Structure formats: C-alpha cells, structure tokens
Amino acid sequence: MEKLLISKREAADALGCSVRTIENMLNRKQLVSRRLGRRRMVTYASLTQVAKHGTPVVTGVEPQRESGNAGSAR
C-alpha cells in the first residue's frame, strides 16, 4: 500500500531536489500538504502529479506570473 502523506524530506528525495525547494513549492501552492500534528506532510498524489506533468494543476489558485515586463501589454 502506498503512503498517502509523506514528509518534506521524503518528497525531496523522491523528486531529487532539496527540502527548501519542496518548501518553496508548498508556499507557491504547487504541492498540496496536510498538517499531521506539528508536521506538514505532502500528499503523495500532488507529488506524483508534479513528477508526471511538471506543473501541477491546483484548483482555486491562479498560477503565479513571472515578474518583469517581458510580454506585458499595458
């Protein structure tokens, strides 16, 4: 049986990145997490979505735009 929630360290190991990158992705709502006591756990489903598609689709949150004026039509 697969784990439903994994630690930030396990998520980082699975994606081959740092824990800080996982924390940044959580802050930008690119990964879904849940509180389990004091721990913030990453949902396995959101991790596999990032691995498969690169950019996750998170409902209810607009994707963040890159800063800068490139492509801006004001």
C-alpha atoms as a PDB file:
ATOM      1  CA  MET A   1       0.000   0.000   0.000  1.00  0.00           C
ATOM      2  CA  GLU A   2       1.293   3.466  -0.955  1.00  0.00           C
ATOM      3  CA  LYS A   3       1.692   6.170   1.634  1.00  0.00           C
ATOM      4  CA  LEU A   4      -0.925   8.908   1.334  1.00  0.00           C
ATOM      5  CA  LEU A   5       1.219  11.521   3.084  1.00  0.00           C
ATOM      6  CA  ILE A   6       4.992  11.810   3.054  1.00  0.00           C
ATOM      7  CA  SER A   7       7.440  14.102   4.825  1.00  0.00           C
ATOM      8  CA  LYS A   8       9.114  17.040   3.124  1.00  0.00           C
ATOM      9  CA  ARG A   9      12.410  15.109   3.258  1.00  0.00           C
ATOM     10  CA  GLU A  10      10.826  12.075   1.562  1.00  0.00           C
ATOM     11  CA  ALA A  11       9.250  14.348  -1.060  1.00  0.00           C
ATOM     12  CA  ALA A  12      12.628  15.980  -1.741  1.00  0.00           C
ATOM     13  CA  ASP A  13      14.304  12.592  -2.079  1.00  0.00           C
ATOM     14  CA  ALA A  14      11.565  11.377  -4.435  1.00  0.00           C
ATOM     15  CA  LEU A  15      11.891  14.408  -6.741  1.00  0.00           C
ATOM     16  CA  GLY A  16      15.670  14.645  -6.404  1.00  0.00           C
ATOM     17  CA  CYS A  17      15.638  18.181  -5.026  1.00  0.00           C
ATOM     18  CA  SER A  18      16.235  19.926  -1.712  1.00  0.00           C
ATOM     19  CA  VAL A  19      13.827  20.264   1.191  1.00  0.00           C
ATOM     20  CA  ARG A  20      13.944  24.036   0.611  1.00  0.00           C
ATOM     21  CA  THR A  21      12.656  23.507  -2.946  1.00  0.00           C
ATOM     22  CA  ILE A  22       9.771  21.455  -1.535  1.00  0.00           C
ATOM     23  CA  GLU A  23       9.039  24.232   0.976  1.00  0.00           C
ATOM     24  CA  ASN A  24       9.050  26.799  -1.847  1.00  0.00           C
ATOM     25  CA  MET A  25       6.677  24.642  -3.884  1.00  0.00           C
ATOM     26  CA  LEU A  26       4.370  24.331  -0.872  1.00  0.00           C
ATOM     27  CA  ASN A  27       4.422  28.105  -0.349  1.00  0.00           C
ATOM     28  CA  ARG A  28       3.565  28.672  -4.033  1.00  0.00           C
ATOM     29  CA  LYS A  29       0.731  26.104  -3.763  1.00  0.00           C
ATOM     30  CA  GLN A  30       2.399  23.824  -6.305  1.00  0.00           C
ATOM     31  CA  LEU A  31       2.139  20.928  -3.875  1.00  0.00           C
ATOM     32  CA  VAL A  32      -0.729  20.046  -1.567  1.00  0.00           C
ATOM     33  CA  SER A  33       0.034  19.432   2.092  1.00  0.00           C
ATOM     34  CA  ARG A  34      -1.793  18.498   5.256  1.00  0.00           C
ATOM     35  CA  ARG A  35      -0.989  19.017   8.914  1.00  0.00           C
ATOM     36  CA  LEU A  36      -0.413  15.869  10.918  1.00  0.00           C
ATOM     37  CA  GLY A  37       0.210  17.038  14.451  1.00  0.00           C
ATOM     38  CA  ARG A  38       3.048  19.547  14.172  1.00  0.00           C
ATOM     39  CA  ARG A  39       4.322  18.116  10.912  1.00  0.00           C
ATOM     40  CA  ARG A  40       3.441  19.402   7.465  1.00  0.00           C
ATOM     41  CA  MET A  41       3.078  16.382   5.209  1.00  0.00           C
ATOM     42  CA  VAL A  42       2.967  16.398   1.392  1.00  0.00           C
ATOM     43  CA  THR A  43       0.203  14.448  -0.314  1.00  0.00           C
ATOM     44  CA  TYR A  44       1.554  11.636  -2.447  1.00  0.00           C
ATOM     45  CA  ALA A  45      -0.986  12.446  -5.163  1.00  0.00           C
ATOM     46  CA  SER A  46       0.313  16.019  -5.616  1.00  0.00           C
ATOM     47  CA  LEU A  47       3.890  14.757  -5.709  1.00  0.00           C
ATOM     48  CA  THR A  48       3.129  12.248  -8.462  1.00  0.00           C
ATOM     49  CA  GLN A  49       1.254  14.942 -10.392  1.00  0.00           C
ATOM     50  CA  VAL A  50       4.331  17.183 -10.333  1.00  0.00           C
ATOM     51  CA  ALA A  51       6.538  14.263 -11.383  1.00  0.00           C
ATOM     52  CA  LYS A  52       4.268  13.374 -14.311  1.00  0.00           C
ATOM     53  CA  HIS A  53       3.300  16.814 -15.567  1.00  0.00           C
ATOM     54  CA  GLY A  54       5.926  19.197 -14.240  1.00  0.00           C
ATOM     55  CA  THR A  55       3.438  21.912 -13.379  1.00  0.00           C
ATOM     56  CA  PRO A  56       0.573  20.820 -11.170  1.00  0.00           C
ATOM     57  CA  VAL A  57      -2.992  21.904 -11.659  1.00  0.00           C
ATOM     58  CA  VAL A  58      -4.253  23.294  -8.359  1.00  0.00           C
ATOM     59  CA  THR A  59      -7.901  24.295  -8.441  1.00  0.00           C
ATOM     60  CA  GLY A  60      -8.920  27.600  -6.932  1.00  0.00           C
ATOM     61  CA  VAL A  61      -5.457  29.146  -7.255  1.00  0.00           C
ATOM     62  CA  GLU A  62      -4.287  31.227 -10.191  1.00  0.00           C
ATOM     63  CA  PRO A  63      -0.823  30.363 -11.476  1.00  0.00           C
ATOM     64  CA  GLN A  64       1.779  32.906 -10.453  1.00  0.00           C
ATOM     65  CA  ARG A  65       3.156  35.018 -13.248  1.00  0.00           C
ATOM     66  CA  GLU A  66       6.811  35.660 -13.771  1.00  0.00           C
ATOM     67  CA  SER A  67       7.954  39.096 -12.653  1.00  0.00           C
ATOM     68  CA  GLY A  68       9.290  41.502 -15.219  1.00  0.00           C
ATOM     69  CA  ASN A  69       7.917  43.420 -18.176  1.00  0.00           C
ATOM     70  CA  ALA A  70       8.502  40.855 -20.904  1.00  0.00           C
ATOM     71  CA  GLY A  71       5.255  40.233 -22.738  1.00  0.00           C
ATOM     72  CA  SER A  72       3.359  42.813 -20.709  1.00  0.00           C
ATOM     73  CA  ALA A  73       0.783  44.759 -22.697  1.00  0.00           C
ATOM     74  CA  ARG A  74      -0.232  47.794 -20.637  1.00  0.00           C
END
